[in-house]
PDB file of N, CA and C in Angstrom:
ATOM      1  N   MET A   1      45.937   1.213 -46.980  1.00  0.00           N
ATOM      2  CA  MET A   1      46.219   2.124 -45.899  1.00  0.00           C
ATOM      3  C   MET A   1      45.346   1.801 -44.681  1.00  0.00           C
ATOM      4  N   ARG A   2      44.094   1.561 -44.964  1.00  0.00           N
ATOM      5  CA  ARG A   2      43.169   1.236 -43.888  1.00  0.00           C
ATOM      6  C   ARG A   2      43.570  -0.058 -43.197  1.00  0.00           C
ATOM      7  N   GLU A   3      43.967  -1.030 -44.023  1.00  0.00           N
ATOM      8  CA  GLU A   3      44.377  -2.313 -43.487  1.00  0.00           C
ATOM      9  C   GLU A   3      45.610  -2.165 -42.617  1.00  0.00           C
ATOM     10  N   LYS A   4      46.532  -1.365 -43.050  1.00  0.00           N
ATOM     11  CA  LYS A   4      47.748  -1.127 -42.286  1.00  0.00           C
ATOM     12  C   LYS A   4      47.432  -0.452 -40.957  1.00  0.00           C
ATOM     13  N   LEU A   5      46.498   0.483 -40.991  1.00  0.00           N
ATOM     14  CA  LEU A   5      46.114   1.200 -39.775  1.00  0.00           C
ATOM     15  C   LEU A   5      45.452   0.254 -38.778  1.00  0.00           C
ATOM     16  N   SER A   6      44.541  -0.591 -39.251  1.00  0.00           N
ATOM     17  CA  SER A   6      43.860  -1.521 -38.349  1.00  0.00           C
ATOM     18  C   SER A   6      44.849  -2.548 -37.806  1.00  0.00           C
ATOM     19  N   GLN A   7      45.839  -2.947 -38.602  1.00  0.00           N
ATOM     20  CA  GLN A   7      46.852  -3.876 -38.116  1.00  0.00           C
ATOM     21  C   GLN A   7      47.722  -3.213 -37.050  1.00  0.00           C
ATOM     22  N   GLN A   8      48.000  -1.940 -37.237  1.00  0.00           N
ATOM     23  CA  GLN A   8      48.793  -1.214 -36.244  1.00  0.00           C
ATOM     24  C   GLN A   8      48.020  -1.064 -34.933  1.00  0.00           C
ATOM     25  N   VAL A   9      46.732  -0.766 -35.052  1.00  0.00           N
ATOM     26  CA  VAL A   9      45.890  -0.646 -33.851  1.00  0.00           C
ATOM     27  C   VAL A   9      45.828  -1.990 -33.136  1.00  0.00           C
ATOM     28  N   LEU A  10      45.622  -3.047 -33.895  1.00  0.00           N
ATOM     29  CA  LEU A  10      45.563  -4.386 -33.321  1.00  0.00           C
ATOM     30  C   LEU A  10      46.893  -4.748 -32.660  1.00  0.00           C
ATOM     31  N   LEU A  11      47.987  -4.415 -33.310  1.00  0.00           N
ATOM     32  CA  LEU A  11      49.307  -4.685 -32.757  1.00  0.00           C
ATOM     33  C   LEU A  11      49.535  -3.913 -31.456  1.00  0.00           C
ATOM     34  N   SER A  12      49.100  -2.666 -31.412  1.00  0.00           N
ATOM     35  CA  SER A  12      49.270  -1.878 -30.182  1.00  0.00           C
ATOM     36  C   SER A  12      48.406  -2.436 -29.048  1.00  0.00           C
ATOM     37  N   ILE A  13      47.204  -2.878 -29.373  1.00  0.00           N
ATOM     38  CA  ILE A  13      46.331  -3.485 -28.355  1.00  0.00           C
ATOM     39  C   ILE A  13      46.973  -4.755 -27.813  1.00  0.00           C
ATOM     40  N   LEU A  14      47.498  -5.583 -28.715  1.00  0.00           N
ATOM     41  CA  LEU A  14      48.126  -6.831 -28.287  1.00  0.00           C
ATOM     42  C   LEU A  14      49.363  -6.576 -27.431  1.00  0.00           C
ATOM     43  N   THR A  15      50.171  -5.602 -27.804  1.00  0.00           N
ATOM     44  CA  THR A  15      51.363  -5.301 -26.999  1.00  0.00           C
ATOM     45  C   THR A  15      50.971  -4.762 -25.626  1.00  0.00           C
ATOM     46  N   ASP A  16      49.912  -3.960 -25.568  1.00  0.00           N
ATOM     47  CA  ASP A  16      49.424  -3.475 -24.265  1.00  0.00           C
ATOM     48  C   ASP A  16      48.967  -4.638 -23.380  1.00  0.00           C
ATOM     49  N   GLU A  17      48.244  -5.573 -23.977  1.00  0.00           N
ATOM     50  CA  GLU A  17      47.763  -6.732 -23.217  1.00  0.00           C
ATOM     51  C   GLU A  17      48.927  -7.595 -22.746  1.00  0.00           C
ATOM     52  N   ILE A  18      49.932  -7.761 -23.603  1.00  0.00           N
ATOM     53  CA  ILE A  18      51.109  -8.541 -23.212  1.00  0.00           C
ATOM     54  C   ILE A  18      51.826  -7.860 -22.056  1.00  0.00           C
ATOM     55  N   ASP A  19      51.937  -6.541 -22.101  1.00  0.00           N
ATOM     56  CA  ASP A  19      52.569  -5.807 -20.999  1.00  0.00           C
ATOM     57  C   ASP A  19      51.794  -5.995 -19.693  1.00  0.00           C
ATOM     58  N   LYS A  20      50.460  -5.915 -19.796  1.00  0.00           N
ATOM     59  CA  LYS A  20      49.631  -6.109 -18.597  1.00  0.00           C
ATOM     60  C   LYS A  20      49.819  -7.513 -18.030  1.00  0.00           C
ATOM     61  N   LEU A  21      49.865  -8.512 -18.912  1.00  0.00           N
ATOM     62  CA  LEU A  21      50.062  -9.884 -18.460  1.00  0.00           C
ATOM     63  C   LEU A  21      51.425 -10.068 -17.799  1.00  0.00           C
ATOM     64  N   GLN A  22      52.448  -9.424 -18.344  1.00  0.00           N
ATOM     65  CA  GLN A  22      53.780  -9.522 -17.742  1.00  0.00           C
ATOM     66  C   GLN A  22      53.803  -8.895 -16.347  1.00  0.00           C
ATOM     67  N   ILE A  23      53.143  -7.747 -16.210  1.00  0.00           N
ATOM     68  CA  ILE A  23      53.073  -7.088 -14.895  1.00  0.00           C
ATOM     69  C   ILE A  23      52.307  -7.959 -13.904  1.00  0.00           C
ATOM     70  N   THR A  24      51.191  -8.537 -14.369  1.00  0.00           N
ATOM     71  CA  THR A  24      50.391  -9.407 -13.503  1.00  0.00           C
ATOM     72  C   THR A  24      51.198 -10.629 -13.075  1.00  0.00           C
ATOM     73  N   THR A  25      51.914 -11.224 -14.018  1.00  0.00           N
ATOM     74  CA  THR A  25      52.745 -12.386 -13.701  1.00  0.00           C
ATOM     75  C   THR A  25      53.816 -12.027 -12.683  1.00  0.00           C
ATOM     76  N   LYS A  26      54.416 -10.869 -12.855  1.00  0.00           N
ATOM     77  CA  LYS A  26      55.444 -10.417 -11.913  1.00  0.00           C
ATOM     78  C   LYS A  26      54.847 -10.246 -10.514  1.00  0.00           C
ATOM     79  N   ASN A  27      53.655  -9.635 -10.442  1.00  0.00           N
ATOM     80  CA  ASN A  27      52.988  -9.445  -9.145  1.00  0.00           C
ATOM     81  C   ASN A  27      52.655 -10.789  -8.490  1.00  0.00           C
ATOM     82  N   ILE A  28      52.163 -11.719  -9.300  1.00  0.00           N
ATOM     83  CA  ILE A  28      51.814 -13.037  -8.762  1.00  0.00           C
ATOM     84  C   ILE A  28      53.062 -13.732  -8.241  1.00  0.00           C
ATOM     85  N   ASN A  29      54.147 -13.648  -8.986  1.00  0.00           N
ATOM     86  CA  ASN A  29      55.390 -14.296  -8.553  1.00  0.00           C
ATOM     87  C   ASN A  29      55.929 -13.679  -7.272  1.00  0.00           C
ATOM     88  N   GLU A  30      55.684 -12.402  -7.062  1.00  0.00           N
ATOM     89  CA  GLU A  30      56.130 -11.759  -5.826  1.00  0.00           C
ATOM     90  C   GLU A  30      55.268 -12.173  -4.634  1.00  0.00           C
ATOM     91  N   ILE A  31      53.985 -12.373  -4.883  1.00  0.00           N
ATOM     92  CA  ILE A  31      53.047 -12.672  -3.798  1.00  0.00           C
ATOM     93  C   ILE A  31      52.992 -14.169  -3.485  1.00  0.00           C
ATOM     94  N   ALA A  32      53.279 -15.016  -4.457  1.00  0.00           N
ATOM     95  CA  ALA A  32      53.132 -16.468  -4.294  1.00  0.00           C
ATOM     96  C   ALA A  32      53.871 -17.033  -3.083  1.00  0.00           C
ATOM     97  N   PRO A  33      55.108 -16.648  -2.807  1.00  0.00           N
ATOM     98  CA  PRO A  33      55.774 -17.218  -1.621  1.00  0.00           C
ATOM     99  C   PRO A  33      55.054 -16.886  -0.309  1.00  0.00           C
ATOM    100  N   GLU A  34      54.523 -15.684  -0.206  1.00  0.00           N
ATOM    101  CA  GLU A  34      53.798 -15.296   1.012  1.00  0.00           C
ATOM    102  C   GLU A  34      52.516 -16.114   1.155  1.00  0.00           C
ATOM    103  N   ILE A  35      51.810 -16.308   0.048  1.00  0.00           N
ATOM    104  CA  ILE A  35      50.586 -17.122   0.081  1.00  0.00           C
ATOM    105  C   ILE A  35      50.931 -18.551   0.487  1.00  0.00           C
ATOM    106  N   ASP A  36      52.012 -19.086  -0.072  1.00  0.00           N
ATOM    107  CA  ASP A  36      52.446 -20.443   0.267  1.00  0.00           C
ATOM    108  C   ASP A  36      52.789 -20.549   1.754  1.00  0.00           C
ATOM    109  N   ARG A  37      53.476 -19.567   2.294  1.00  0.00           N
ATOM    110  CA  ARG A  37      53.834 -19.568   3.709  1.00  0.00           C
ATOM    111  C   ARG A  37      52.587 -19.557   4.595  1.00  0.00           C
ATOM    112  N   GLN A  38      51.621 -18.704   4.232  1.00  0.00           N
ATOM    113  CA  GLN A  38      50.393 -18.614   5.031  1.00  0.00           C
ATOM    114  C   GLN A  38      49.586 -19.909   4.954  1.00  0.00           C
ATOM    115  N   LEU A  39      49.563 -20.536   3.773  1.00  0.00           N
ATOM    116  CA  LEU A  39      48.844 -21.807   3.645  1.00  0.00           C
ATOM    117  C   LEU A  39      49.493 -22.899   4.497  1.00  0.00           C
ATOM    118  N   ARG A  40      50.818 -22.965   4.487  1.00  0.00           N
ATOM    119  CA  ARG A  40      51.510 -23.948   5.320  1.00  0.00           C
ATOM    120  C   ARG A  40      51.239 -23.688   6.797  1.00  0.00           C
ATOM    121  N   GLU A  41      51.203 -22.417   7.163  1.00  0.00           N
ATOM    122  CA  GLU A  41      50.927 -22.059   8.555  1.00  0.00           C
ATOM    123  C   GLU A  41      49.520 -22.476   8.959  1.00  0.00           C
ATOM    124  N   LEU A  42      48.560 -22.277   8.049  1.00  0.00           N
ATOM    125  CA  LEU A  42      47.183 -22.684   8.340  1.00  0.00           C
ATOM    126  C   LEU A  42      47.063 -24.200   8.453  1.00  0.00           C
ATOM    127  N   LYS A  43      47.786 -24.921   7.612  1.00  0.00           N
ATOM    128  CA  LYS A  43      47.709 -26.382   7.653  1.00  0.00           C
ATOM    129  C   LYS A  43      48.295 -26.939   8.944  1.00  0.00           C
ATOM    130  N   THR A  44      49.313 -26.293   9.471  1.00  0.00           N
ATOM    131  CA  THR A  44      49.960 -26.815  10.676  1.00  0.00           C
ATOM    132  C   THR A  44      49.318 -26.302  11.963  1.00  0.00           C
ATOM    133  N   THR A  45      48.477 -25.293  11.864  1.00  0.00           N
ATOM    134  CA  THR A  45      47.836 -24.742  13.056  1.00  0.00           C
ATOM    135  C   THR A  45      46.678 -25.641  13.472  1.00  0.00           C
ATOM    136  N   LYS A  46      46.625 -25.949  14.754  1.00  0.00           N
ATOM    137  CA  LYS A  46      45.519 -26.747  15.278  1.00  0.00           C
ATOM    138  C   LYS A  46      44.549 -25.811  15.976  1.00  0.00           C
ATOM    139  N   LEU A  47      43.287 -25.983  15.668  1.00  0.00           N
ATOM    140  CA  LEU A  47      42.256 -25.145  16.274  1.00  0.00           C
ATOM    141  C   LEU A  47      41.724 -25.811  17.533  1.00  0.00           C
ATOM    142  N   VAL A  48      41.543 -25.029  18.557  1.00  0.00           N
ATOM    143  CA  VAL A  48      40.956 -25.512  19.799  1.00  0.00           C
ATOM    144  C   VAL A  48      39.628 -24.788  19.974  1.00  0.00           C
ATOM    145  N   VAL A  49      38.567 -25.575  20.013  1.00  0.00           N
ATOM    146  CA  VAL A  49      37.232 -24.999  20.148  1.00  0.00           C
ATOM    147  C   VAL A  49      36.675 -25.427  21.496  1.00  0.00           C
ATOM    148  N   GLU A  50      36.217 -24.458  22.254  1.00  0.00           N
ATOM    149  CA  GLU A  50      35.648 -24.744  23.566  1.00  0.00           C
ATOM    150  C   GLU A  50      34.254 -24.136  23.619  1.00  0.00           C
ATOM    151  N   VAL A  51      33.300 -24.969  23.914  1.00  0.00           N
ATOM    152  CA  VAL A  51      31.920 -24.506  23.993  1.00  0.00           C
ATOM    153  C   VAL A  51      31.522 -24.472  25.460  1.00  0.00           C
ATOM    154  N   LYS A  52      31.050 -23.331  25.895  1.00  0.00           N
ATOM    155  CA  LYS A  52      30.613 -23.196  27.283  1.00  0.00           C
ATOM    156  C   LYS A  52      29.121 -23.514  27.348  1.00  0.00           C
ATOM    157  N   THR A  53      28.814 -24.581  28.057  1.00  0.00           N
ATOM    158  CA  THR A  53      27.427 -25.024  28.139  1.00  0.00           C
ATOM    159  C   THR A  53      26.809 -24.751  29.504  1.00  0.00           C
ATOM    160  N   ASP A  54      27.485 -23.991  30.325  1.00  0.00           N
ATOM    161  CA  ASP A  54      26.973 -23.721  31.673  1.00  0.00           C
ATOM    162  C   ASP A  54      25.599 -23.060  31.631  1.00  0.00           C
ATOM    163  N   HIS A  55      25.471 -22.057  30.779  1.00  0.00           N
ATOM    164  CA  HIS A  55      24.200 -21.326  30.700  1.00  0.00           C
ATOM    165  C   HIS A  55      23.089 -22.242  30.183  1.00  0.00           C
ATOM    166  N   LEU A  56      23.414 -23.071  29.188  1.00  0.00           N
ATOM    167  CA  LEU A  56      22.404 -23.984  28.649  1.00  0.00           C
ATOM    168  C   LEU A  56      21.976 -25.016  29.690  1.00  0.00           C
ATOM    169  N   GLU A  57      22.929 -25.528  30.458  1.00  0.00           N
ATOM    170  CA  GLU A  57      22.589 -26.487  31.509  1.00  0.00           C
ATOM    171  C   GLU A  57      21.715 -25.839  32.575  1.00  0.00           C
ATOM    172  N   LYS A  58      21.993 -24.595  32.902  1.00  0.00           N
ATOM    173  CA  LYS A  58      21.190 -23.874  33.890  1.00  0.00           C
ATOM    174  C   LYS A  58      19.756 -23.707  33.389  1.00  0.00           C
ATOM    175  N   LEU A  59      19.608 -23.329  32.116  1.00  0.00           N
ATOM    176  CA  LEU A  59      18.270 -23.185  31.543  1.00  0.00           C
ATOM    177  C   LEU A  59      17.525 -24.516  31.534  1.00  0.00           C
ATOM    178  N   LEU A  60      18.240 -25.596  31.225  1.00  0.00           N
ATOM    179  CA  LEU A  60      17.614 -26.913  31.206  1.00  0.00           C
ATOM    180  C   LEU A  60      17.130 -27.310  32.601  1.00  0.00           C
ATOM    181  N   LYS A  61      17.934 -27.065  33.623  1.00  0.00           N
ATOM    182  CA  LYS A  61      17.533 -27.385  34.999  1.00  0.00           C
ATOM    183  C   LYS A  61      16.319 -26.566  35.421  1.00  0.00           C
ATOM    184  N   GLU A  62      16.317 -25.273  35.067  1.00  0.00           N
ATOM    185  CA  GLU A  62      15.170 -24.422  35.408  1.00  0.00           C
ATOM    186  C   GLU A  62      13.908 -24.933  34.725  1.00  0.00           C
ATOM    187  N   HIS A  63      14.037 -25.336  33.469  1.00  0.00           N
ATOM    188  CA  HIS A  63      12.882 -25.842  32.729  1.00  0.00           C
ATOM    189  C   HIS A  63      12.370 -27.139  33.356  1.00  0.00           C
ATOM    190  N   GLN A  64      13.281 -28.011  33.762  1.00  0.00           N
ATOM    191  CA  GLN A  64      12.871 -29.253  34.415  1.00  0.00           C
ATOM    192  C   GLN A  64      12.163 -28.974  35.737  1.00  0.00           C
ATOM    193  N   GLN A  65      12.630 -27.985  36.485  1.00  0.00           N
ATOM    194  CA  GLN A  65      11.982 -27.629  37.747  1.00  0.00           C
ATOM    195  C   GLN A  65      10.577 -27.101  37.502  1.00  0.00           C
ATOM    196  N   VAL A  66      10.413 -26.296  36.455  1.00  0.00           N
ATOM    197  CA  VAL A  66       9.083 -25.770  36.129  1.00  0.00           C
ATOM    198  C   VAL A  66       8.150 -26.913  35.762  1.00  0.00           C
ATOM    199  N   ILE A  67       8.643 -27.858  34.975  1.00  0.00           N
ATOM    200  CA  ILE A  67       7.809 -28.994  34.577  1.00  0.00           C
ATOM    201  C   ILE A  67       7.439 -29.835  35.799  1.00  0.00           C
ATOM    202  N   ASN A  68       8.401 -30.065  36.679  1.00  0.00           N
ATOM    203  CA  ASN A  68       8.131 -30.875  37.874  1.00  0.00           C
ATOM    204  C   ASN A  68       7.179 -30.180  38.838  1.00  0.00           C
ATOM    205  N   SER A  69       7.189 -28.868  38.855  1.00  0.00           N
ATOM    206  CA  SER A  69       6.332 -28.145  39.793  1.00  0.00           C
ATOM    207  C   SER A  69       4.886 -28.050  39.307  1.00  0.00           C
ATOM    208  N   LYS A  70       4.651 -28.274  38.034  1.00  0.00           N
ATOM    209  CA  LYS A  70       3.276 -28.221  37.529  1.00  0.00           C
ATOM    210  C   LYS A  70       2.490 -29.414  38.055  1.00  0.00           C
ATOM    211  N   THR A  71       1.202 -29.183  38.299  1.00  0.00           N
ATOM    212  CA  THR A  71       0.340 -30.238  38.808  1.00  0.00           C
ATOM    213  C   THR A  71      -0.117 -31.113  37.654  1.00  0.00           C
ATOM    214  N   ILE A  72       0.141 -32.403  37.795  1.00  0.00           N
ATOM    215  CA  ILE A  72      -0.287 -33.356  36.782  1.00  0.00           C
ATOM    216  C   ILE A  72      -1.328 -34.257  37.419  1.00  0.00           C
ATOM    217  N   ILE A  73      -2.474 -34.396  36.751  1.00  0.00           N
ATOM    218  CA  ILE A  73      -3.551 -35.230  37.278  1.00  0.00           C
ATOM    219  C   ILE A  73      -3.221 -36.691  36.961  1.00  0.00           C
ATOM    220  N   PRO A  74      -3.129 -37.532  37.980  1.00  0.00           N
ATOM    221  CA  PRO A  74      -2.817 -38.945  37.727  1.00  0.00           C
ATOM    222  C   PRO A  74      -3.996 -39.668  37.076  1.00  0.00           C
ATOM    223  N   LYS A  75      -3.676 -40.742  36.371  1.00  0.00           N
ATOM    224  CA  LYS A  75      -4.719 -41.490  35.662  1.00  0.00           C
ATOM    225  C   LYS A  75      -5.718 -42.115  36.628  1.00  0.00           C
ATOM    226  N   TRP A  76      -5.252 -42.584  37.773  1.00  0.00           N
ATOM    227  CA  TRP A  76      -6.164 -43.238  38.700  1.00  0.00           C
ATOM    228  C   TRP A  76      -7.242 -42.266  39.174  1.00  0.00           C
ATOM    229  N   PHE A  77      -6.882 -40.981  39.309  1.00  0.00           N
ATOM    230  CA  PHE A  77      -7.867 -39.993  39.733  1.00  0.00           C
ATOM    231  C   PHE A  77      -8.914 -39.788  38.637  1.00  0.00           C
ATOM    232  N   LEU A  78      -8.460 -39.751  37.386  1.00  0.00           N
ATOM    233  CA  LEU A  78      -9.412 -39.610  36.278  1.00  0.00           C
ATOM    234  C   LEU A  78     -10.354 -40.809  36.199  1.00  0.00           C
ATOM    235  N   TYR A  79      -9.811 -42.022  36.410  1.00  0.00           N
ATOM    236  CA  TYR A  79     -10.668 -43.211  36.419  1.00  0.00           C
ATOM    237  C   TYR A  79     -11.680 -43.148  37.567  1.00  0.00           C
ATOM    238  N   PHE A  80     -11.239 -42.657  38.716  1.00  0.00           N
ATOM    239  CA  PHE A  80     -12.127 -42.537  39.868  1.00  0.00           C
ATOM    240  C   PHE A  80     -13.270 -41.561  39.578  1.00  0.00           C
ATOM    241  N   VAL A  81     -12.943 -40.414  38.967  1.00  0.00           N
ATOM    242  CA  VAL A  81     -13.973 -39.423  38.628  1.00  0.00           C
ATOM    243  C   VAL A  81     -14.943 -40.005  37.606  1.00  0.00           C
ATOM    244  N   ALA A  82     -14.429 -40.720  36.611  1.00  0.00           N
ATOM    245  CA  ALA A  82     -15.303 -41.343  35.608  1.00  0.00           C
ATOM    246  C   ALA A  82     -16.216 -42.376  36.269  1.00  0.00           C
ATOM    247  N   PHE A  83     -15.670 -43.152  37.202  1.00  0.00           N
ATOM    248  CA  PHE A  83     -16.476 -44.138  37.919  1.00  0.00           C
ATOM    249  C   PHE A  83     -17.586 -43.456  38.721  1.00  0.00           C
ATOM    250  N   LEU A  84     -17.249 -42.347  39.411  1.00  0.00           N
ATOM    251  CA  LEU A  84     -18.267 -41.618  40.177  1.00  0.00           C
ATOM    252  C   LEU A  84     -19.367 -41.082  39.268  1.00  0.00           C
ATOM    253  N   ILE A  85     -18.986 -40.550  38.119  1.00  0.00           N
ATOM    254  CA  ILE A  85     -19.996 -40.031  37.188  1.00  0.00           C
ATOM    255  C   ILE A  85     -20.913 -41.157  36.732  1.00  0.00           C
ATOM    256  N   LEU A  86     -20.338 -42.324  36.430  1.00  0.00           N
ATOM    257  CA  LEU A  86     -21.172 -43.459  36.014  1.00  0.00           C
ATOM    258  C   LEU A  86     -22.106 -43.914  37.139  1.00  0.00           C
ATOM    259  N   VAL A  87     -21.600 -43.926  38.360  1.00  0.00           N
ATOM    260  CA  VAL A  87     -22.439 -44.318  39.503  1.00  0.00           C
ATOM    261  C   VAL A  87     -23.570 -43.315  39.683  1.00  0.00           C
ATOM    262  N   ILE A  88     -23.266 -42.042  39.600  1.00  0.00           N
ATOM    263  CA  ILE A  88     -24.304 -41.008  39.763  1.00  0.00           C
ATOM    264  C   ILE A  88     -25.337 -41.121  38.653  1.00  0.00           C
ATOM    265  N   LEU A  89     -24.882 -41.338  37.422  1.00  0.00           N
ATOM    266  CA  LEU A  89     -25.835 -41.508  36.315  1.00  0.00           C
ATOM    267  C   LEU A  89     -26.690 -42.756  36.501  1.00  0.00           C
ATOM    268  N   ALA A  90     -26.089 -43.824  36.984  1.00  0.00           N
ATOM    269  CA  ALA A  90     -26.846 -45.058  37.214  1.00  0.00           C
ATOM    270  C   ALA A  90     -27.894 -44.840  38.305  1.00  0.00           C
ATOM    271  N   LEU A  91     -27.512 -44.182  39.391  1.00  0.00           N
ATOM    272  CA  LEU A  91     -28.473 -43.907  40.466  1.00  0.00           C
ATOM    273  C   LEU A  91     -29.577 -42.978  39.985  1.00  0.00           C
ATOM    274  N   PHE A  92     -29.196 -41.965  39.204  1.00  0.00           N
ATOM    275  CA  PHE A  92     -30.192 -41.030  38.699  1.00  0.00           C
ATOM    276  C   PHE A  92     -31.177 -41.737  37.770  1.00  0.00           C
ATOM    277  N   SER A  93     -30.655 -42.580  36.879  1.00  0.00           N
ATOM    278  CA  SER A  93     -31.556 -43.289  35.959  1.00  0.00           C
ATOM    279  C   SER A  93     -32.410 -44.306  36.726  1.00  0.00           C
ATOM    280  N   PHE A  94     -31.856 -44.934  37.769  1.00  0.00           N
ATOM    281  CA  PHE A  94     -32.633 -45.873  38.578  1.00  0.00           C
ATOM    282  C   PHE A  94     -33.780 -45.147  39.281  1.00  0.00           C
ATOM    283  N   CYS A  95     -33.467 -43.967  39.837  1.00  0.00           N
ATOM    284  CA  CYS A  95     -34.504 -43.185  40.512  1.00  0.00           C
ATOM    285  C   CYS A  95     -35.528 -42.676  39.512  1.00  0.00           C
ATOM    286  N   TRP A  96     -35.119 -42.294  38.357  1.00  0.00           N
ATOM    287  CA  TRP A  96     -36.016 -41.730  37.355  1.00  0.00           C
ATOM    288  C   TRP A  96     -37.007 -42.774  36.862  1.00  0.00           C
ATOM    289  N   PHE A  97     -36.519 -43.993  36.621  1.00  0.00           N
ATOM    290  CA  PHE A  97     -37.406 -45.034  36.099  1.00  0.00           C
ATOM    291  C   PHE A  97     -38.217 -45.725  37.192  1.00  0.00           C
ATOM    292  N   SER A  98     -37.832 -45.564  38.426  1.00  0.00           N
ATOM    293  CA  SER A  98     -38.583 -46.219  39.502  1.00  0.00           C
ATOM    294  C   SER A  98     -39.719 -45.340  40.022  1.00  0.00           C
ATOM    295  N   LEU A  99     -39.853 -44.137  39.518  1.00  0.00           N
ATOM    296  CA  LEU A  99     -40.956 -43.269  39.939  1.00  0.00           C
ATOM    297  C   LEU A  99     -42.273 -43.806  39.381  1.00  0.00           C
ATOM    298  N   PRO A 100     -43.382 -43.681  40.183  1.00  0.00           N
ATOM    299  CA  PRO A 100     -44.676 -44.210  39.706  1.00  0.00           C
ATOM    300  C   PRO A 100     -45.326 -43.386  38.645  1.00  0.00           C
TER     301      PRO A 100
END
């Protein structure tokens, strides 16, 4: 009796699952043509992408102007200052050692 009952329960579960699968299959078959149509439409559609770089170019120009307006010390001026310091040190050491 117990075995018969468990077989009946199992049979009812299986029939319920089969019914659910049939309903799902029916739903998929109804939706599949629409999905296929949308996929074909996506494949044939060409995308046009336009990037506006006006603002970026403006920022780049402003940044270049800021860089150009900053004062940069040329190398020749640094060499000149180093030369003057060496001359002053040489004169100072010459005067220091020439004292009696």
